[in-house]
C-alpha atoms as a PDB file:
ATOM      1  CA  MET A   1      31.186  49.733 141.973  1.00  0.00           C
ATOM      2  CA  GLN A   2      33.958  47.471 140.662  1.00  0.00           C
ATOM      3  CA  ALA A   3      36.026  48.085 143.791  1.00  0.00           C
ATOM      4  CA  SER A   4      33.307  46.515 145.920  1.00  0.00           C
ATOM      5  CA  ARG A   5      33.084  43.211 143.981  1.00  0.00           C
ATOM      6  CA  ALA A   6      29.584  42.855 145.404  1.00  0.00           C
ATOM      7  CA  THR A   7      27.043  41.340 143.018  1.00  0.00           C
ATOM      8  CA  ARG A   8      23.917  42.055 145.056  1.00  0.00           C
ATOM      9  CA  LEU A   9      22.494  43.915 148.033  1.00  0.00           C
ATOM     10  CA  ALA A  10      20.672  42.309 150.949  1.00  0.00           C
ATOM     11  CA  HIS A  11      17.728  43.599 152.968  1.00  0.00           C
ATOM     12  CA  PHE A  12      16.190  41.845 155.971  1.00  0.00           C
ATOM     13  CA  THR A  13      12.467  42.230 156.629  1.00  0.00           C
ATOM     14  CA  PRO A  14       9.913  40.378 158.782  1.00  0.00           C
ATOM     15  CA  ALA A  15       8.150  37.749 156.695  1.00  0.00           C
ATOM     16  CA  ARG A  16       4.788  39.331 157.433  1.00  0.00           C
ATOM     17  CA  ASN A  17       5.922  42.432 155.487  1.00  0.00           C
ATOM     18  CA  LEU A  18       6.147  40.447 152.241  1.00  0.00           C
ATOM     19  CA  LEU A  19       2.405  40.672 151.722  1.00  0.00           C
ATOM     20  CA  HIS A  20       2.469  44.466 152.003  1.00  0.00           C
ATOM     21  CA  ILE A  21       5.520  44.755 149.743  1.00  0.00           C
ATOM     22  CA  LEU A  22       3.907  42.722 146.974  1.00  0.00           C
ATOM     23  CA  ARG A  23       0.567  44.456 147.375  1.00  0.00           C
ATOM     24  CA  ASP A  24       2.263  47.843 147.194  1.00  0.00           C
ATOM     25  CA  GLY A  25       4.558  46.870 144.339  1.00  0.00           C
ATOM     26  CA  ALA A  26       7.689  48.181 146.040  1.00  0.00           C
ATOM     27  CA  ILE A  27       9.935  48.190 149.089  1.00  0.00           C
ATOM     28  CA  ARG A  28       9.233  51.564 150.638  1.00  0.00           C
ATOM     29  CA  SER A  29      11.231  53.619 153.107  1.00  0.00           C
ATOM     30  CA  SER A  30      10.012  54.166 156.661  1.00  0.00           C
ATOM     31  CA  LYS A  31       9.140  57.783 155.855  1.00  0.00           C
ATOM     32  CA  ASP A  32       7.206  56.837 152.737  1.00  0.00           C
ATOM     33  CA  LEU A  33       5.174  54.237 154.625  1.00  0.00           C
ATOM     34  CA  ALA A  34       4.491  56.532 157.563  1.00  0.00           C
ATOM     35  CA  ASP A  35       3.326  59.303 155.209  1.00  0.00           C
ATOM     36  CA  SER A  36       1.298  57.341 152.667  1.00  0.00           C
ATOM     37  CA  ALA A  37       0.405  53.972 154.207  1.00  0.00           C
ATOM     38  CA  PRO A  38       0.366  54.216 158.011  1.00  0.00           C
ATOM     39  CA  ASP A  39      -1.652  50.993 158.285  1.00  0.00           C
ATOM     40  CA  HIS A  40       1.311  49.156 156.765  1.00  0.00           C
ATOM     41  CA  PHE A  41       3.947  51.093 158.678  1.00  0.00           C
ATOM     42  CA  ASP A  42       5.802  48.382 160.562  1.00  0.00           C
ATOM     43  CA  PRO A  43       9.414  49.550 160.935  1.00  0.00           C
ATOM     44  CA  THR A  44      12.072  47.339 162.452  1.00  0.00           C
ATOM     45  CA  ASP A  45      13.967  50.409 163.622  1.00  0.00           C
ATOM     46  CA  ARG A  46      11.513  53.025 164.854  1.00  0.00           C
ATOM     47  CA  GLN A  47      14.211  55.443 165.992  1.00  0.00           C
ATOM     48  CA  ARG A  48      16.156  55.425 162.689  1.00  0.00           C
ATOM     49  CA  PHE A  49      19.284  56.715 164.382  1.00  0.00           C
ATOM     50  CA  ASP A  50      20.896  56.963 160.938  1.00  0.00           C
ATOM     51  CA  ARG A  51      18.632  60.020 160.398  1.00  0.00           C
ATOM     52  CA  ASN A  52      17.673  58.958 156.883  1.00  0.00           C
ATOM     53  CA  PRO A  53      14.140  57.545 157.134  1.00  0.00           C
ATOM     54  CA  ASP A  54      13.583  58.250 153.422  1.00  0.00           C
ATOM     55  CA  LYS A  55      16.055  55.502 152.493  1.00  0.00           C
ATOM     56  CA  VAL A  56      16.054  51.686 152.566  1.00  0.00           C
ATOM     57  CA  CYS A  57      18.905  50.080 154.520  1.00  0.00           C
ATOM     58  CA  CYS A  58      20.886  47.412 152.667  1.00  0.00           C
ATOM     59  CA  THR A  59      24.117  45.501 153.173  1.00  0.00           C
ATOM     60  CA  PHE A  60      26.531  44.114 150.597  1.00  0.00           C
ATOM     61  CA  GLN A  61      26.250  40.529 149.336  1.00  0.00           C
ATOM     62  CA  TYR A  62      24.994  39.087 152.646  1.00  0.00           C
ATOM     63  CA  PRO A  63      22.485  40.330 155.225  1.00  0.00           C
ATOM     64  CA  ASN A  64      23.377  41.949 158.539  1.00  0.00           C
ATOM     65  CA  GLY A  65      23.164  39.075 161.000  1.00  0.00           C
ATOM     66  CA  TYR A  66      23.957  41.360 163.923  1.00  0.00           C
ATOM     67  CA  TYR A  67      20.946  43.497 163.109  1.00  0.00           C
ATOM     68  CA  LEU A  68      18.666  40.461 162.834  1.00  0.00           C
ATOM     69  CA  ALA A  69      19.791  39.110 166.198  1.00  0.00           C
ATOM     70  CA  GLN A  70      18.854  42.423 167.834  1.00  0.00           C
ATOM     71  CA  ALA A  71      15.614  42.927 165.927  1.00  0.00           C
ATOM     72  CA  ARG A  72      14.297  39.492 166.855  1.00  0.00           C
ATOM     73  CA  ASN A  73      14.426  40.500 170.522  1.00  0.00           C
ATOM     74  CA  LYS A  74      12.493  43.734 170.091  1.00  0.00           C
ATOM     75  CA  SER A  75       9.065  43.720 171.709  1.00  0.00           C
ATOM     76  CA  ASP A  76       7.344  44.535 168.412  1.00  0.00           C
ATOM     77  CA  PHE A  77       8.689  41.383 166.782  1.00  0.00           C
ATOM     78  CA  VAL A  78       9.110  38.810 169.538  1.00  0.00           C
ATOM     79  CA  ASN A  79       5.775  37.253 168.517  1.00  0.00           C
ATOM     80  CA  TYR A  80       6.749  37.300 164.832  1.00  0.00           C
ATOM     81  CA  PRO A  81       9.967  35.279 164.611  1.00  0.00           C
ATOM     82  CA  ASP A  82       9.883  34.653 160.854  1.00  0.00           C
ATOM     83  CA  TRP A  83      12.132  36.791 158.670  1.00  0.00           C
ATOM     84  CA  VAL A  84      13.200  36.796 155.031  1.00  0.00           C
ATOM     85  CA  CYS A  85      16.191  38.257 153.226  1.00  0.00           C
ATOM     86  CA  LEU A  86      15.543  40.085 149.977  1.00  0.00           C
ATOM     87  CA  PHE A  87      18.419  40.092 147.506  1.00  0.00           C
ATOM     88  CA  LEU A  88      18.399  43.251 145.399  1.00  0.00           C
ATOM     89  CA  ASP A  89      20.097  44.498 142.237  1.00  0.00           C
ATOM     90  CA  ILE A  90      23.571  45.855 142.956  1.00  0.00           C
ATOM     91  CA  ASP A  91      22.957  48.677 140.460  1.00  0.00           C
ATOM     92  CA  LEU A  92      20.760  50.322 143.086  1.00  0.00           C
ATOM     93  CA  ILE A  93      23.914  51.765 144.643  1.00  0.00           C
ATOM     94  CA  LEU A  94      24.158  54.024 141.575  1.00  0.00           C
ATOM     95  CA  ARG A  95      20.837  55.648 142.409  1.00  0.00           C
ATOM     96  CA  PRO A  96      21.264  59.399 143.073  1.00  0.00           C
ATOM     97  CA  GLY A  97      21.177  60.180 146.768  1.00  0.00           C
ATOM     98  CA  THR A  98      22.572  56.823 147.908  1.00  0.00           C
ATOM     99  CA  LEU A  99      24.744  57.018 151.021  1.00  0.00           C
ATOM    100  CA  PHE A 100      27.403  54.605 152.276  1.00  0.00           C
ATOM    101  CA  ALA A 101      28.713  53.834 155.745  1.00  0.00           C
ATOM    102  CA  PRO A 102      31.718  51.557 156.477  1.00  0.00           C
ATOM    103  CA  CYS A 103      29.944  50.481 159.688  1.00  0.00           C
ATOM    104  CA  ASN A 104      26.362  50.336 160.911  1.00  0.00           C
ATOM    105  CA  ALA A 105      24.713  53.425 159.425  1.00  0.00           C
ATOM    106  CA  ALA A 106      23.195  54.355 162.786  1.00  0.00           C
ATOM    107  CA  SER A 107      26.614  54.686 164.440  1.00  0.00           C
ATOM    108  CA  GLN A 108      27.034  58.133 165.999  1.00  0.00           C
ATOM    109  CA  GLY A 109      23.713  59.251 164.589  1.00  0.00           C
ATOM    110  CA  GLY A 110      24.650  58.603 160.965  1.00  0.00           C
ATOM    111  CA  ALA A 111      27.942  60.508 161.154  1.00  0.00           C
ATOM    112  CA  PHE A 112      29.752  58.019 158.890  1.00  0.00           C
ATOM    113  CA  LEU A 113      27.249  58.180 156.035  1.00  0.00           C
ATOM    114  CA  LYS A 114      28.641  59.774 152.884  1.00  0.00           C
ATOM    115  CA  PRO A 115      27.884  59.693 149.146  1.00  0.00           C
ATOM    116  CA  GLY A 116      30.196  58.785 146.306  1.00  0.00           C
ATOM    117  CA  ALA A 117      32.603  56.176 144.997  1.00  0.00           C
ATOM    118  CA  SER A 118      35.281  56.789 147.617  1.00  0.00           C
ATOM    119  CA  SER A 119      32.768  56.203 150.399  1.00  0.00           C
ATOM    120  CA  LEU A 120      31.735  52.950 148.735  1.00  0.00           C
ATOM    121  CA  ALA A 121      35.385  51.896 148.463  1.00  0.00           C
ATOM    122  CA  ASP A 122      35.862  52.616 152.168  1.00  0.00           C
ATOM    123  CA  CYS A 123      33.387  49.826 152.926  1.00  0.00           C
ATOM    124  CA  PHE A 124      35.809  47.322 151.357  1.00  0.00           C
ATOM    125  CA  ALA A 125      39.114  48.753 152.570  1.00  0.00           C
ATOM    126  CA  PRO A 126      41.685  46.531 154.363  1.00  0.00           C
ATOM    127  CA  GLN A 127      40.782  48.383 157.567  1.00  0.00           C
ATOM    128  CA  SER A 128      37.203  49.558 157.728  1.00  0.00           C
ATOM    129  CA  GLY A 129      34.681  50.344 160.413  1.00  0.00           C
ATOM    130  CA  GLY A 130      36.886  48.951 163.159  1.00  0.00           C
ATOM    131  CA  TRP A 131      37.499  45.629 161.385  1.00  0.00           C
ATOM    132  CA  SER A 132      40.370  44.157 159.380  1.00  0.00           C
ATOM    133  CA  ARG A 133      39.838  42.340 156.108  1.00  0.00           C
ATOM    134  CA  GLY A 134      41.538  38.945 156.169  1.00  0.00           C
ATOM    135  CA  PRO A 135      42.895  37.077 153.133  1.00  0.00           C
ATOM    136  CA  ARG A 136      39.930  34.688 152.987  1.00  0.00           C
ATOM    137  CA  HIS A 137      37.217  37.297 153.495  1.00  0.00           C
ATOM    138  CA  ALA A 138      34.337  36.815 151.019  1.00  0.00           C
ATOM    139  CA  ALA A 139      35.059  39.113 148.077  1.00  0.00           C
ATOM    140  CA  GLY A 140      31.622  40.702 147.770  1.00  0.00           C
ATOM    141  CA  ALA A 141      31.086  41.300 151.485  1.00  0.00           C
ATOM    142  CA  ALA A 142      32.091  44.538 153.183  1.00  0.00           C
ATOM    143  CA  THR A 143      35.013  44.491 155.616  1.00  0.00           C
ATOM    144  CA  ASN A 144      32.673  45.363 158.477  1.00  0.00           C
ATOM    145  CA  LEU A 145      29.675  43.101 157.944  1.00  0.00           C
ATOM    146  CA  GLN A 146      27.359  45.867 159.132  1.00  0.00           C
ATOM    147  CA  ALA A 147      28.522  48.362 156.493  1.00  0.00           C
ATOM    148  CA  GLU A 148      25.495  49.743 154.704  1.00  0.00           C
ATOM    149  CA  ALA A 149      24.191  51.341 151.567  1.00  0.00           C
ATOM    150  CA  LEU A 150      21.144  53.514 152.160  1.00  0.00           C
ATOM    151  CA  ILE A 151      19.090  53.521 148.971  1.00  0.00           C
ATOM    152  CA  PRO A 152      16.465  56.203 148.294  1.00  0.00           C
ATOM    153  CA  GLY A 153      13.086  54.511 148.093  1.00  0.00           C
ATOM    154  CA  PRO A 154      10.903  53.170 146.802  1.00  0.00           C
ATOM    155  CA  ILE A 155      12.629  50.081 145.408  1.00  0.00           C
ATOM    156  CA  GLU A 156      10.560  48.421 142.701  1.00  0.00           C
ATOM    157  CA  LEU A 157       9.725  44.702 142.752  1.00  0.00           C
ATOM    158  CA  SER A 158      11.705  44.307 139.534  1.00  0.00           C
ATOM    159  CA  CYS A 159      14.860  44.992 141.587  1.00  0.00           C
ATOM    160  CA  ILE A 160      14.302  41.926 143.777  1.00  0.00           C
ATOM    161  CA  ARG A 161      16.626  39.169 142.576  1.00  0.00           C
ATOM    162  CA  GLY A 162      15.623  36.573 145.135  1.00  0.00           C
ATOM    163  CA  ILE A 163      13.926  35.821 148.437  1.00  0.00           C
ATOM    164  CA  ALA A 164      15.987  33.830 150.945  1.00  0.00           C
ATOM    165  CA  VAL A 165      14.445  31.918 153.845  1.00  0.00           C
ATOM    166  CA  PRO A 166      15.985  29.732 156.575  1.00  0.00           C
ATOM    167  CA  SER A 167      14.297  26.418 155.703  1.00  0.00           C
ATOM    168  CA  ASP A 168      12.165  24.454 153.246  1.00  0.00           C
ATOM    169  CA  ASP A 169       9.226  24.770 155.631  1.00  0.00           C
ATOM    170  CA  ALA A 170       9.616  28.547 155.718  1.00  0.00           C
ATOM    171  CA  ALA A 171       9.673  28.677 151.918  1.00  0.00           C
ATOM    172  CA  SER A 172       6.515  26.560 151.704  1.00  0.00           C
ATOM    173  CA  THR A 173       4.744  28.722 154.270  1.00  0.00           C
ATOM    174  CA  GLU A 174       5.575  32.057 152.643  1.00  0.00           C
ATOM    175  CA  PHE A 175       4.924  30.789 149.128  1.00  0.00           C
ATOM    176  CA  ALA A 176       1.510  29.400 150.091  1.00  0.00           C
ATOM    177  CA  ARG A 177       0.536  32.533 152.010  1.00  0.00           C
ATOM    178  CA  LEU A 178       1.304  34.816 149.078  1.00  0.00           C
ATOM    179  CA  GLU A 179      -0.358  32.492 146.571  1.00  0.00           C
ATOM    180  CA  MET A 180      -3.493  32.501 148.718  1.00  0.00           C
ATOM    181  CA  PHE A 181      -3.726  36.265 148.221  1.00  0.00           C
ATOM    182  CA  GLY A 182      -3.315  35.902 144.474  1.00  0.00           C
ATOM    183  CA  PHE A 183       0.260  37.112 144.058  1.00  0.00           C
ATOM    184  CA  ASN A 184       2.573  35.783 141.366  1.00  0.00           C
ATOM    185  CA  THR A 185       5.195  34.206 143.606  1.00  0.00           C
ATOM    186  CA  ARG A 186       6.956  32.607 140.647  1.00  0.00           C
ATOM    187  CA  GLN A 187       8.313  35.963 139.526  1.00  0.00           C
ATOM    188  CA  PHE A 188      10.964  35.581 142.246  1.00  0.00           C
ATOM    189  CA  SER A 189      13.787  33.128 142.824  1.00  0.00           C
ATOM    190  CA  TRP A 190      13.345  31.413 146.194  1.00  0.00           C
ATOM    191  CA  ILE A 191      16.431  30.371 148.130  1.00  0.00           C
ATOM    192  CA  VAL A 192      16.902  28.276 151.264  1.00  0.00           C
ATOM    193  CA  ALA A 193      19.998  29.431 153.157  1.00  0.00           C
ATOM    194  CA  PRO A 194      19.912  28.783 156.924  1.00  0.00           C
ATOM    195  CA  VAL A 195      23.370  30.277 157.539  1.00  0.00           C
ATOM    196  CA  LEU A 196      22.117  33.720 156.506  1.00  0.00           C
ATOM    197  CA  PHE A 197      19.835  33.725 159.545  1.00  0.00           C
ATOM    198  CA  ASP A 198      22.488  32.701 162.074  1.00  0.00           C
ATOM    199  CA  ARG A 199      24.650  35.643 163.122  1.00  0.00           C
ATOM    200  CA  ASP A 200      27.675  33.692 164.323  1.00  0.00           C
ATOM    201  CA  GLN A 201      27.756  31.164 161.480  1.00  0.00           C
ATOM    202  CA  LEU A 202      27.322  33.882 158.888  1.00  0.00           C
ATOM    203  CA  SER A 203      30.057  36.066 160.365  1.00  0.00           C
ATOM    204  CA  ALA A 204      32.543  33.205 160.564  1.00  0.00           C
ATOM    205  CA  SER A 205      31.706  31.983 157.064  1.00  0.00           C
ATOM    206  CA  VAL A 206      32.228  35.403 155.497  1.00  0.00           C
ATOM    207  CA  ARG A 207      35.426  36.207 157.376  1.00  0.00           C
ATOM    208  CA  PHE A 208      37.105  32.842 156.901  1.00  0.00           C
ATOM    209  CA  GLY A 209      35.946  32.028 153.395  1.00  0.00           C
ATOM    210  CA  ARG A 210      33.658  29.159 154.295  1.00  0.00           C
ATOM    211  CA  SER A 211      31.050  28.050 151.812  1.00  0.00           C
ATOM    212  CA  ILE A 212      27.573  29.482 152.386  1.00  0.00           C
ATOM    213  CA  LEU A 213      25.049  27.105 150.875  1.00  0.00           C
ATOM    214  CA  GLU A 214      22.193  28.790 149.029  1.00  0.00           C
ATOM    215  CA  THR A 215      19.821  26.157 147.670  1.00  0.00           C
ATOM    216  CA  PRO A 216      17.264  27.116 145.008  1.00  0.00           C
ATOM    217  CA  TRP A 217      13.747  26.195 146.119  1.00  0.00           C
ATOM    218  CA  THR A 218      10.745  25.315 143.997  1.00  0.00           C
ATOM    219  CA  PRO A 219       7.276  24.399 145.261  1.00  0.00           C
ATOM    220  CA  ARG A 220       6.174  20.806 145.397  1.00  0.00           C
ATOM    221  CA  THR A 221       3.321  19.735 143.133  1.00  0.00           C
ATOM    222  CA  THR A 222       0.831  20.013 145.984  1.00  0.00           C
ATOM    223  CA  GLU A 223       1.822  23.657 146.506  1.00  0.00           C
ATOM    224  CA  ARG A 224       1.209  24.728 142.940  1.00  0.00           C
END
């Protein structure tokens, strides 16, 4: 884990899934949802070409902007443009059964997915997944920004370190929606970070060491 220098994992999900996650008390894998809660089964990747539907897809330090750009154009989500990024405990990569891929986990049907410390280190190698790691590359980010850790689910709410959204308005909307259903939204740190939701800005910022502003957000008095 030290070789990665990552301090957190990132997981994109449509904002409408937040309600189900909090109600269920966990982030569940596609297989788990399909088996036990089909009414809440709303996968962003129905095919799961990585062939591991029992695991939750995560990236290192920052979310996968390439994935988000593709997912937003899928017919299932074109009418639901709002997304959030969940930051998760980095210790989840120590969970037995975790697999690592130095590129998108779905590449070649999951052929690059492997367990173990050496597979984790491969995600941060100078040459990894078809990309080179430059001298200013963000330390905690994988060399290929689509490198993934597939974590066996479910992932408990206690593992969520923060919820990132693209704007103050988005934070207000999601906070109010969850409060309306009686959830304790103050158990999470809320973060406004528009760059995380822009594929090109995020990629350039990570590769060239540019600052990525993550602003803590708290509700206004009228929202409490």
